[in-house]
């Protein structure tokens, strides 16, 4: 399954046969006071710094989230997303549950963006899937519904099926829905990681579609979070995840190492031969040191 995202002039393909697509998560004001201050004042210099650093570290797509107290998402989401897309020519992931903000951004962002996200709640599907269809975007589908995030992989699988069915009913191609099996912290429930990994395996086996993962939640509240995140990403890649929303400045090496060990063809622009190395964003010594 191939989910194609587009910027002004480039395409990035999320592919079930790999390599893993990296969505940079850092343009998000959560715990970033400097970014919140910039958004409130309309200054985008720090946004551009974050974008440039993530691309240099290996991000294929940039997530843009402007949700912070006092920030007008309807104004700022299209402004920031367009500015980043124009300056850096990379596909954009629009990160908001605000329908009006998403519509405003979808009207101006070039190419084919990814929307993060819809879930299995009736209100969410009814509100957001029609605009995904209208603007021919791709969308991340979260395996939660009105009852919350289930602890049973079978239930998460059924929610994924419900989202895919609803999308198909209104004419959204299956390849334009990327399922996110969700992950909770193992600090609260030691089985949380296993539930997510099992869900990944089941969704891939049942539907054969692309799977996204936001990995950092798994380590919330734990010491040495980076090590836990690395281990979880490697396991998720082996289970079938084909796309991750993460901090590329910290986790690109482990993701590309997983690609290497899983025999994935390298990403757009990456050399196809072992002798050429792993491409311009990769230093093989990061595995060996």
C-alpha atoms as a PDB file:
ATOM      1  CA  UNK A   1       0.000   0.000   0.000  1.00  0.00           C
ATOM      2  CA  UNK A   2       1.359   3.386  -1.009  1.00  0.00           C
ATOM      3  CA  UNK A   3       0.125   6.664   0.473  1.00  0.00           C
ATOM      4  CA  UNK A   4       1.440   9.575  -1.568  1.00  0.00           C
ATOM      5  CA  UNK A   5       1.920  13.003   0.034  1.00  0.00           C
ATOM      6  CA  UNK A   6       2.956  16.039  -1.990  1.00  0.00           C
ATOM      7  CA  UNK A   7       4.569  19.411  -1.482  1.00  0.00           C
ATOM      8  CA  UNK A   8       4.953  22.076  -4.188  1.00  0.00           C
ATOM      9  CA  UNK A   9       7.304  19.976  -6.304  1.00  0.00           C
ATOM     10  CA  UNK A  10       8.090  16.793  -4.375  1.00  0.00           C
ATOM     11  CA  UNK A  11       6.385  13.547  -3.428  1.00  0.00           C
ATOM     12  CA  UNK A  12       6.903  11.406  -0.347  1.00  0.00           C
ATOM     13  CA  UNK A  13       5.422   7.911  -0.358  1.00  0.00           C
ATOM     14  CA  UNK A  14       4.448   6.130   2.831  1.00  0.00           C
ATOM     15  CA  UNK A  15       4.907   2.501   1.800  1.00  0.00           C
ATOM     16  CA  UNK A  16       4.026  -0.698   3.627  1.00  0.00           C
ATOM     17  CA  UNK A  17       7.192  -2.182   2.155  1.00  0.00           C
ATOM     18  CA  UNK A  18       9.278   0.604   3.664  1.00  0.00           C
ATOM     19  CA  UNK A  19      11.296   2.588   4.302  1.00  0.00           C
ATOM     20  CA  UNK A  20       9.715   4.225   7.338  1.00  0.00           C
ATOM     21  CA  UNK A  21       8.480   7.749   6.699  1.00  0.00           C
ATOM     22  CA  UNK A  22       9.555  10.223   9.380  1.00  0.00           C
ATOM     23  CA  UNK A  23       7.154  13.034  10.301  1.00  0.00           C
ATOM     24  CA  UNK A  24       8.938  15.669  12.361  1.00  0.00           C
ATOM     25  CA  UNK A  25       6.902  16.513  15.460  1.00  0.00           C
ATOM     26  CA  UNK A  26       8.667  19.597  16.793  1.00  0.00           C
ATOM     27  CA  UNK A  27       6.505  22.395  15.381  1.00  0.00           C
ATOM     28  CA  UNK A  28       4.187  21.979  18.338  1.00  0.00           C
ATOM     29  CA  UNK A  29       3.859  24.559  21.137  1.00  0.00           C
ATOM     30  CA  UNK A  30       3.352  21.934  23.847  1.00  0.00           C
ATOM     31  CA  UNK A  31       6.196  22.509  26.331  1.00  0.00           C
ATOM     32  CA  UNK A  32       7.749  25.065  23.938  1.00  0.00           C
ATOM     33  CA  UNK A  33       7.181  28.486  25.473  1.00  0.00           C
ATOM     34  CA  UNK A  34       9.316  30.163  22.804  1.00  0.00           C
ATOM     35  CA  UNK A  35       7.133  28.735  20.043  1.00  0.00           C
ATOM     36  CA  UNK A  36       3.931  29.785  21.816  1.00  0.00           C
ATOM     37  CA  UNK A  37       5.259  33.312  22.198  1.00  0.00           C
ATOM     38  CA  UNK A  38       6.159  33.430  18.505  1.00  0.00           C
ATOM     39  CA  UNK A  39       2.721  32.207  17.447  1.00  0.00           C
ATOM     40  CA  UNK A  40       0.998  34.770  19.664  1.00  0.00           C
ATOM     41  CA  UNK A  41       3.054  37.571  18.161  1.00  0.00           C
ATOM     42  CA  UNK A  42       2.928  36.283  14.588  1.00  0.00           C
ATOM     43  CA  UNK A  43       6.698  35.785  14.382  1.00  0.00           C
ATOM     44  CA  UNK A  44       7.729  32.644  12.512  1.00  0.00           C
ATOM     45  CA  UNK A  45      11.520  32.737  12.843  1.00  0.00           C
ATOM     46  CA  UNK A  46      11.544  29.968  15.478  1.00  0.00           C
ATOM     47  CA  UNK A  47       9.117  27.896  13.397  1.00  0.00           C
ATOM     48  CA  UNK A  48      11.595  28.076  10.526  1.00  0.00           C
ATOM     49  CA  UNK A  49      14.472  27.093  12.833  1.00  0.00           C
ATOM     50  CA  UNK A  50      12.556  24.011  13.968  1.00  0.00           C
ATOM     51  CA  UNK A  51      11.630  23.082  10.401  1.00  0.00           C
ATOM     52  CA  UNK A  52      15.169  23.428   9.079  1.00  0.00           C
ATOM     53  CA  UNK A  53      16.695  21.403  11.912  1.00  0.00           C
ATOM     54  CA  UNK A  54      14.212  18.557  11.468  1.00  0.00           C
ATOM     55  CA  UNK A  55      14.715  18.348   7.717  1.00  0.00           C
ATOM     56  CA  UNK A  56      18.481  18.308   8.209  1.00  0.00           C
ATOM     57  CA  UNK A  57      18.022  15.456  10.694  1.00  0.00           C
ATOM     58  CA  UNK A  58      15.994  13.349   8.260  1.00  0.00           C
ATOM     59  CA  UNK A  59      12.339  14.408   8.457  1.00  0.00           C
ATOM     60  CA  UNK A  60      10.386  13.552   5.300  1.00  0.00           C
ATOM     61  CA  UNK A  61       7.226  15.413   6.352  1.00  0.00           C
ATOM     62  CA  UNK A  62       6.679  18.219   8.872  1.00  0.00           C
ATOM     63  CA  UNK A  63       3.840  18.157  11.375  1.00  0.00           C
ATOM     64  CA  UNK A  64       2.421  21.632  12.035  1.00  0.00           C
ATOM     65  CA  UNK A  65       0.506  22.150  15.275  1.00  0.00           C
ATOM     66  CA  UNK A  66      -0.342  25.650  16.544  1.00  0.00           C
ATOM     67  CA  UNK A  67      -2.680  24.658  19.374  1.00  0.00           C
ATOM     68  CA  UNK A  68      -1.810  26.782  22.398  1.00  0.00           C
ATOM     69  CA  UNK A  69      -3.834  28.950  24.799  1.00  0.00           C
ATOM     70  CA  UNK A  70      -4.621  32.275  23.164  1.00  0.00           C
ATOM     71  CA  UNK A  71      -3.604  31.222  19.647  1.00  0.00           C
ATOM     72  CA  UNK A  72      -6.271  31.613  16.956  1.00  0.00           C
ATOM     73  CA  UNK A  73      -5.893  28.302  15.112  1.00  0.00           C
ATOM     74  CA  UNK A  74      -8.140  29.362  12.244  1.00  0.00           C
ATOM     75  CA  UNK A  75      -5.723  32.181  11.459  1.00  0.00           C
ATOM     76  CA  UNK A  76      -2.404  30.659  12.474  1.00  0.00           C
ATOM     77  CA  UNK A  77      -2.639  27.089  11.145  1.00  0.00           C
ATOM     78  CA  UNK A  78      -2.948  28.148   7.481  1.00  0.00           C
ATOM     79  CA  UNK A  79      -0.402  30.935   7.965  1.00  0.00           C
ATOM     80  CA  UNK A  80       2.249  28.703   9.523  1.00  0.00           C
ATOM     81  CA  UNK A  81       1.592  25.668   7.324  1.00  0.00           C
ATOM     82  CA  UNK A  82       1.766  27.727   4.128  1.00  0.00           C
ATOM     83  CA  UNK A  83       4.911  29.569   5.241  1.00  0.00           C
ATOM     84  CA  UNK A  84       6.685  26.287   6.055  1.00  0.00           C
ATOM     85  CA  UNK A  85       5.522  24.619   2.825  1.00  0.00           C
ATOM     86  CA  UNK A  86       6.640  27.553   0.692  1.00  0.00           C
ATOM     87  CA  UNK A  87      10.004  27.983   2.393  1.00  0.00           C
ATOM     88  CA  UNK A  88      11.032  24.326   2.622  1.00  0.00           C
ATOM     89  CA  UNK A  89       9.016  22.503  -0.081  1.00  0.00           C
ATOM     90  CA  UNK A  90       8.176  19.472   2.054  1.00  0.00           C
ATOM     91  CA  UNK A  91       4.781  17.789   2.551  1.00  0.00           C
ATOM     92  CA  UNK A  92       2.850  19.081   5.548  1.00  0.00           C
ATOM     93  CA  UNK A  93       0.943  17.186   8.226  1.00  0.00           C
ATOM     94  CA  UNK A  94      -1.831  19.456   9.531  1.00  0.00           C
ATOM     95  CA  UNK A  95      -2.206  18.654  13.214  1.00  0.00           C
ATOM     96  CA  UNK A  96      -5.527  19.878  14.569  1.00  0.00           C
ATOM     97  CA  UNK A  97      -9.024  18.721  15.466  1.00  0.00           C
ATOM     98  CA  UNK A  98     -10.430  22.182  14.702  1.00  0.00           C
ATOM     99  CA  UNK A  99     -12.487  21.772  11.525  1.00  0.00           C
ATOM    100  CA  UNK A 100     -12.460  25.451  10.626  1.00  0.00           C
ATOM    101  CA  UNK A 101      -8.686  25.644  11.046  1.00  0.00           C
ATOM    102  CA  UNK A 102      -8.172  22.539   8.922  1.00  0.00           C
ATOM    103  CA  UNK A 103     -10.415  23.858   6.146  1.00  0.00           C
ATOM    104  CA  UNK A 104      -8.557  27.180   6.164  1.00  0.00           C
ATOM    105  CA  UNK A 105      -5.209  25.368   5.932  1.00  0.00           C
ATOM    106  CA  UNK A 106      -6.336  22.840   3.310  1.00  0.00           C
ATOM    107  CA  UNK A 107      -7.404  25.737   1.080  1.00  0.00           C
ATOM    108  CA  UNK A 108      -3.891  27.198   0.934  1.00  0.00           C
ATOM    109  CA  UNK A 109      -1.323  24.442   1.535  1.00  0.00           C
ATOM    110  CA  UNK A 110       0.188  23.268  -1.762  1.00  0.00           C
ATOM    111  CA  UNK A 111       0.299  19.642  -2.850  1.00  0.00           C
ATOM    112  CA  UNK A 112      -1.382  16.889  -0.894  1.00  0.00           C
ATOM    113  CA  UNK A 113      -1.076  17.174   2.892  1.00  0.00           C
ATOM    114  CA  UNK A 114      -1.743  14.644   5.629  1.00  0.00           C
ATOM    115  CA  UNK A 115      -4.317  15.504   8.313  1.00  0.00           C
ATOM    116  CA  UNK A 116      -3.726  14.453  11.896  1.00  0.00           C
ATOM    117  CA  UNK A 117      -6.318  13.195  12.701  1.00  0.00           C
ATOM    118  CA  UNK A 118      -9.763  11.593  12.681  1.00  0.00           C
ATOM    119  CA  UNK A 119     -10.893   8.915  15.125  1.00  0.00           C
ATOM    120  CA  UNK A 120     -13.689   6.397  15.450  1.00  0.00           C
ATOM    121  CA  UNK A 121     -16.095   8.743  17.206  1.00  0.00           C
ATOM    122  CA  UNK A 122     -19.179   9.440  15.108  1.00  0.00           C
ATOM    123  CA  UNK A 123     -18.739  13.179  15.578  1.00  0.00           C
ATOM    124  CA  UNK A 124     -15.122  13.055  14.424  1.00  0.00           C
ATOM    125  CA  UNK A 125     -15.800  10.958  11.327  1.00  0.00           C
ATOM    126  CA  UNK A 126     -18.873  12.972  10.390  1.00  0.00           C
ATOM    127  CA  UNK A 127     -17.089  16.290  10.788  1.00  0.00           C
ATOM    128  CA  UNK A 128     -13.632  15.598   9.370  1.00  0.00           C
ATOM    129  CA  UNK A 129     -13.850  12.874   6.733  1.00  0.00           C
ATOM    130  CA  UNK A 130     -15.953  15.017   4.346  1.00  0.00           C
ATOM    131  CA  UNK A 131     -13.274  17.715   4.234  1.00  0.00           C
ATOM    132  CA  UNK A 132     -10.582  15.083   3.635  1.00  0.00           C
ATOM    133  CA  UNK A 133     -12.614  13.978   0.624  1.00  0.00           C
ATOM    134  CA  UNK A 134     -13.280  17.537  -0.568  1.00  0.00           C
ATOM    135  CA  UNK A 135      -9.646  18.632  -0.483  1.00  0.00           C
ATOM    136  CA  UNK A 136      -8.201  15.257  -1.578  1.00  0.00           C
ATOM    137  CA  UNK A 137      -5.914  15.003   1.440  1.00  0.00           C
ATOM    138  CA  UNK A 138      -4.717  11.917   3.302  1.00  0.00           C
ATOM    139  CA  UNK A 139      -5.670  11.331   6.926  1.00  0.00           C
ATOM    140  CA  UNK A 140      -4.459   9.560  10.052  1.00  0.00           C
ATOM    141  CA  UNK A 141      -7.143   7.449  11.734  1.00  0.00           C
ATOM    142  CA  UNK A 142      -6.795   6.922  15.491  1.00  0.00           C
ATOM    143  CA  UNK A 143      -8.054   3.670  16.996  1.00  0.00           C
ATOM    144  CA  UNK A 144     -10.216   5.269  19.673  1.00  0.00           C
ATOM    145  CA  UNK A 145     -13.899   6.082  19.810  1.00  0.00           C
ATOM    146  CA  UNK A 146     -16.571   7.468  22.109  1.00  0.00           C
ATOM    147  CA  UNK A 147     -15.565   4.921  24.758  1.00  0.00           C
ATOM    148  CA  UNK A 148     -11.928   6.088  24.749  1.00  0.00           C
ATOM    149  CA  UNK A 149      -8.808   4.086  23.911  1.00  0.00           C
ATOM    150  CA  UNK A 150      -9.534   0.364  24.327  1.00  0.00           C
ATOM    151  CA  UNK A 151      -7.027  -1.976  25.933  1.00  0.00           C
ATOM    152  CA  UNK A 152      -8.035  -4.845  23.638  1.00  0.00           C
ATOM    153  CA  UNK A 153      -6.228  -5.053  20.259  1.00  0.00           C
ATOM    154  CA  UNK A 154      -9.323  -6.657  18.737  1.00  0.00           C
ATOM    155  CA  UNK A 155     -11.385  -3.594  19.617  1.00  0.00           C
ATOM    156  CA  UNK A 156      -8.749  -1.248  18.211  1.00  0.00           C
ATOM    157  CA  UNK A 157      -8.793  -3.347  15.034  1.00  0.00           C
ATOM    158  CA  UNK A 158     -12.566  -2.992  14.772  1.00  0.00           C
ATOM    159  CA  UNK A 159     -12.303   0.795  15.155  1.00  0.00           C
ATOM    160  CA  UNK A 160      -9.725   0.876  12.360  1.00  0.00           C
ATOM    161  CA  UNK A 161     -12.151  -1.069  10.206  1.00  0.00           C
ATOM    162  CA  UNK A 162     -14.958   1.341  11.032  1.00  0.00           C
ATOM    163  CA  UNK A 163     -12.857   4.353   9.985  1.00  0.00           C
ATOM    164  CA  UNK A 164     -11.808   2.655   6.744  1.00  0.00           C
ATOM    165  CA  UNK A 165     -15.394   1.671   5.966  1.00  0.00           C
ATOM    166  CA  UNK A 166     -16.729   5.181   6.566  1.00  0.00           C
ATOM    167  CA  UNK A 167     -13.941   6.686   4.467  1.00  0.00           C
ATOM    168  CA  UNK A 168     -14.694   4.292   1.612  1.00  0.00           C
ATOM    169  CA  UNK A 169     -18.399   5.106   1.770  1.00  0.00           C
ATOM    170  CA  UNK A 170     -17.741   8.759   0.984  1.00  0.00           C
ATOM    171  CA  UNK A 171     -15.117   8.036  -1.664  1.00  0.00           C
ATOM    172  CA  UNK A 172     -11.803   8.377   0.150  1.00  0.00           C
ATOM    173  CA  UNK A 173      -9.333   5.843  -1.278  1.00  0.00           C
ATOM    174  CA  UNK A 174      -8.114   3.246   1.206  1.00  0.00           C
ATOM    175  CA  UNK A 175      -4.511   4.222   0.532  1.00  0.00           C
ATOM    176  CA  UNK A 176      -5.256   7.734   1.806  1.00  0.00           C
ATOM    177  CA  UNK A 177      -6.082   6.472   5.307  1.00  0.00           C
ATOM    178  CA  UNK A 178      -3.128   5.770   7.593  1.00  0.00           C
ATOM    179  CA  UNK A 179      -4.131   3.993  10.798  1.00  0.00           C
ATOM    180  CA  UNK A 180      -2.559   4.935  14.126  1.00  0.00           C
ATOM    181  CA  UNK A 181      -2.935   2.104  16.677  1.00  0.00           C
ATOM    182  CA  UNK A 182      -2.106   4.488  19.567  1.00  0.00           C
ATOM    183  CA  UNK A 183       0.260   3.838  22.422  1.00  0.00           C
ATOM    184  CA  UNK A 184      -0.125   4.544  26.126  1.00  0.00           C
ATOM    185  CA  UNK A 185       2.657   4.769  28.658  1.00  0.00           C
ATOM    186  CA  UNK A 186       4.074   1.531  29.982  1.00  0.00           C
ATOM    187  CA  UNK A 187       4.740   3.423  33.209  1.00  0.00           C
ATOM    188  CA  UNK A 188       1.029   3.121  33.968  1.00  0.00           C
ATOM    189  CA  UNK A 189       0.404  -0.219  32.271  1.00  0.00           C
ATOM    190  CA  UNK A 190       3.268  -2.557  31.483  1.00  0.00           C
ATOM    191  CA  UNK A 191       1.170  -4.251  28.796  1.00  0.00           C
ATOM    192  CA  UNK A 192       0.485  -1.009  26.884  1.00  0.00           C
ATOM    193  CA  UNK A 193       3.376  -1.470  24.470  1.00  0.00           C
ATOM    194  CA  UNK A 194       2.429  -5.057  23.734  1.00  0.00           C
ATOM    195  CA  UNK A 195      -1.173  -4.033  23.030  1.00  0.00           C
ATOM    196  CA  UNK A 196       0.010  -1.485  20.469  1.00  0.00           C
ATOM    197  CA  UNK A 197       2.447  -3.892  18.822  1.00  0.00           C
ATOM    198  CA  UNK A 198      -0.250  -6.564  18.564  1.00  0.00           C
ATOM    199  CA  UNK A 199      -2.647  -4.010  17.075  1.00  0.00           C
ATOM    200  CA  UNK A 200      -0.042  -3.055  14.450  1.00  0.00           C
ATOM    201  CA  UNK A 201       0.359  -6.690  13.462  1.00  0.00           C
ATOM    202  CA  UNK A 202      -3.402  -7.265  13.293  1.00  0.00           C
ATOM    203  CA  UNK A 203      -4.155  -4.129  11.280  1.00  0.00           C
ATOM    204  CA  UNK A 204      -1.415  -4.909   8.773  1.00  0.00           C
ATOM    205  CA  UNK A 205      -2.615  -8.502   8.419  1.00  0.00           C
ATOM    206  CA  UNK A 206      -6.303  -7.598   8.123  1.00  0.00           C
ATOM    207  CA  UNK A 207      -6.177  -4.471   5.952  1.00  0.00           C
ATOM    208  CA  UNK A 208      -2.670  -4.275   4.463  1.00  0.00           C
ATOM    209  CA  UNK A 209      -2.538  -0.514   4.973  1.00  0.00           C
ATOM    210  CA  UNK A 210       0.018   1.978   6.213  1.00  0.00           C
ATOM    211  CA  UNK A 211       0.390   2.408   9.952  1.00  0.00           C
ATOM    212  CA  UNK A 212       1.532   5.519  11.777  1.00  0.00           C
ATOM    213  CA  UNK A 213       2.877   5.684  15.300  1.00  0.00           C
ATOM    214  CA  UNK A 214       3.562   8.478  17.759  1.00  0.00           C
ATOM    215  CA  UNK A 215       6.146   6.649  19.817  1.00  0.00           C
ATOM    216  CA  UNK A 216       7.050   9.036  22.610  1.00  0.00           C
ATOM    217  CA  UNK A 217       3.945   8.358  24.727  1.00  0.00           C
ATOM    218  CA  UNK A 218       5.220   4.875  25.515  1.00  0.00           C
ATOM    219  CA  UNK A 219       7.933   6.231  27.814  1.00  0.00           C
ATOM    220  CA  UNK A 220       6.024   9.034  29.536  1.00  0.00           C
ATOM    221  CA  UNK A 221       6.931   9.266  33.217  1.00  0.00           C
ATOM    222  CA  UNK A 222       9.894   6.889  32.935  1.00  0.00           C
ATOM    223  CA  UNK A 223      13.625   7.537  33.358  1.00  0.00           C
ATOM    224  CA  UNK A 224      15.877   7.315  30.296  1.00  0.00           C
ATOM    225  CA  UNK A 225      12.960   7.886  27.935  1.00  0.00           C
ATOM    226  CA  UNK A 226      15.196   7.984  24.878  1.00  0.00           C
ATOM    227  CA  UNK A 227      16.313   4.375  25.329  1.00  0.00           C
ATOM    228  CA  UNK A 228      12.740   3.175  25.811  1.00  0.00           C
ATOM    229  CA  UNK A 229      11.609   5.101  22.715  1.00  0.00           C
ATOM    230  CA  UNK A 230      14.411   3.623  20.630  1.00  0.00           C
ATOM    231  CA  UNK A 231      13.546   0.075  21.659  1.00  0.00           C
ATOM    232  CA  UNK A 232       9.854   0.609  21.016  1.00  0.00           C
ATOM    233  CA  UNK A 233      10.424   2.121  17.577  1.00  0.00           C
ATOM    234  CA  UNK A 234      12.542  -0.858  16.547  1.00  0.00           C
ATOM    235  CA  UNK A 235       9.858  -3.280  17.721  1.00  0.00           C
ATOM    236  CA  UNK A 236       7.112  -1.267  16.005  1.00  0.00           C
ATOM    237  CA  UNK A 237       9.035  -1.257  12.735  1.00  0.00           C
ATOM    238  CA  UNK A 238       9.355  -5.024  12.946  1.00  0.00           C
ATOM    239  CA  UNK A 239       5.629  -5.349  13.645  1.00  0.00           C
ATOM    240  CA  UNK A 240       4.743  -3.337  10.535  1.00  0.00           C
ATOM    241  CA  UNK A 241       4.676   0.395  11.308  1.00  0.00           C
ATOM    242  CA  UNK A 242       5.525   2.349   8.166  1.00  0.00           C
ATOM    243  CA  UNK A 243       5.320   5.935   9.414  1.00  0.00           C
ATOM    244  CA  UNK A 244       6.269   7.635  12.692  1.00  0.00           C
ATOM    245  CA  UNK A 245       5.639  11.056  14.175  1.00  0.00           C
ATOM    246  CA  UNK A 246       8.722  11.722  16.252  1.00  0.00           C
ATOM    247  CA  UNK A 247      11.713  13.945  16.898  1.00  0.00           C
ATOM    248  CA  UNK A 248      14.066  13.208  13.983  1.00  0.00           C
ATOM    249  CA  UNK A 249      16.972  14.928  15.712  1.00  0.00           C
ATOM    250  CA  UNK A 250      16.928  12.155  18.297  1.00  0.00           C
ATOM    251  CA  UNK A 251      15.495   9.106  16.574  1.00  0.00           C
ATOM    252  CA  UNK A 252      16.378   9.105  12.872  1.00  0.00           C
ATOM    253  CA  UNK A 253      19.430   6.820  13.403  1.00  0.00           C
ATOM    254  CA  UNK A 254      17.393   4.054  15.073  1.00  0.00           C
ATOM    255  CA  UNK A 255      14.674   4.334  12.417  1.00  0.00           C
ATOM    256  CA  UNK A 256      17.140   4.061   9.549  1.00  0.00           C
ATOM    257  CA  UNK A 257      18.931   1.203  11.304  1.00  0.00           C
ATOM    258  CA  UNK A 258      15.576  -0.588  11.531  1.00  0.00           C
ATOM    259  CA  UNK A 259      15.060   0.024   7.807  1.00  0.00           C
ATOM    260  CA  UNK A 260      18.457  -1.470   7.106  1.00  0.00           C
ATOM    261  CA  UNK A 261      17.846  -4.573   9.209  1.00  0.00           C
ATOM    262  CA  UNK A 262      14.358  -5.091   7.761  1.00  0.00           C
ATOM    263  CA  UNK A 263      15.736  -4.915   4.219  1.00  0.00           C
ATOM    264  CA  UNK A 264      13.719  -1.842   3.267  1.00  0.00           C
ATOM    265  CA  UNK A 265      14.645  -0.011   0.081  1.00  0.00           C
ATOM    266  CA  UNK A 266      15.923   3.398   1.031  1.00  0.00           C
ATOM    267  CA  UNK A 267      13.773   6.488   0.795  1.00  0.00           C
ATOM    268  CA  UNK A 268      13.409   8.885  -2.116  1.00  0.00           C
ATOM    269  CA  UNK A 269      16.863  10.254  -2.865  1.00  0.00           C
ATOM    270  CA  UNK A 270      18.663   7.577  -0.854  1.00  0.00           C
ATOM    271  CA  UNK A 271      21.271   5.395  -2.569  1.00  0.00           C
ATOM    272  CA  UNK A 272      20.112   1.893  -3.411  1.00  0.00           C
ATOM    273  CA  UNK A 273      23.493   0.185  -2.981  1.00  0.00           C
ATOM    274  CA  UNK A 274      25.181  -0.789   0.251  1.00  0.00           C
ATOM    275  CA  UNK A 275      28.495   0.597  -0.903  1.00  0.00           C
ATOM    276  CA  UNK A 276      26.991   4.062  -1.253  1.00  0.00           C
ATOM    277  CA  UNK A 277      26.030   4.206   2.398  1.00  0.00           C
ATOM    278  CA  UNK A 278      22.616   5.178   3.722  1.00  0.00           C
ATOM    279  CA  UNK A 279      22.315   8.518   2.010  1.00  0.00           C
ATOM    280  CA  UNK A 280      22.981  12.192   2.672  1.00  0.00           C
ATOM    281  CA  UNK A 281      21.044  12.246   5.964  1.00  0.00           C
ATOM    282  CA  UNK A 282      22.809   9.215   7.366  1.00  0.00           C
ATOM    283  CA  UNK A 283      26.107   8.512   9.047  1.00  0.00           C
ATOM    284  CA  UNK A 284      26.637   4.782   9.495  1.00  0.00           C
ATOM    285  CA  UNK A 285      28.958   5.434  12.425  1.00  0.00           C
ATOM    286  CA  UNK A 286      25.836   6.288  14.432  1.00  0.00           C
ATOM    287  CA  UNK A 287      25.061   2.563  14.512  1.00  0.00           C
ATOM    288  CA  UNK A 288      28.574   1.543  15.412  1.00  0.00           C
ATOM    289  CA  UNK A 289      29.398   4.064  18.146  1.00  0.00           C
END
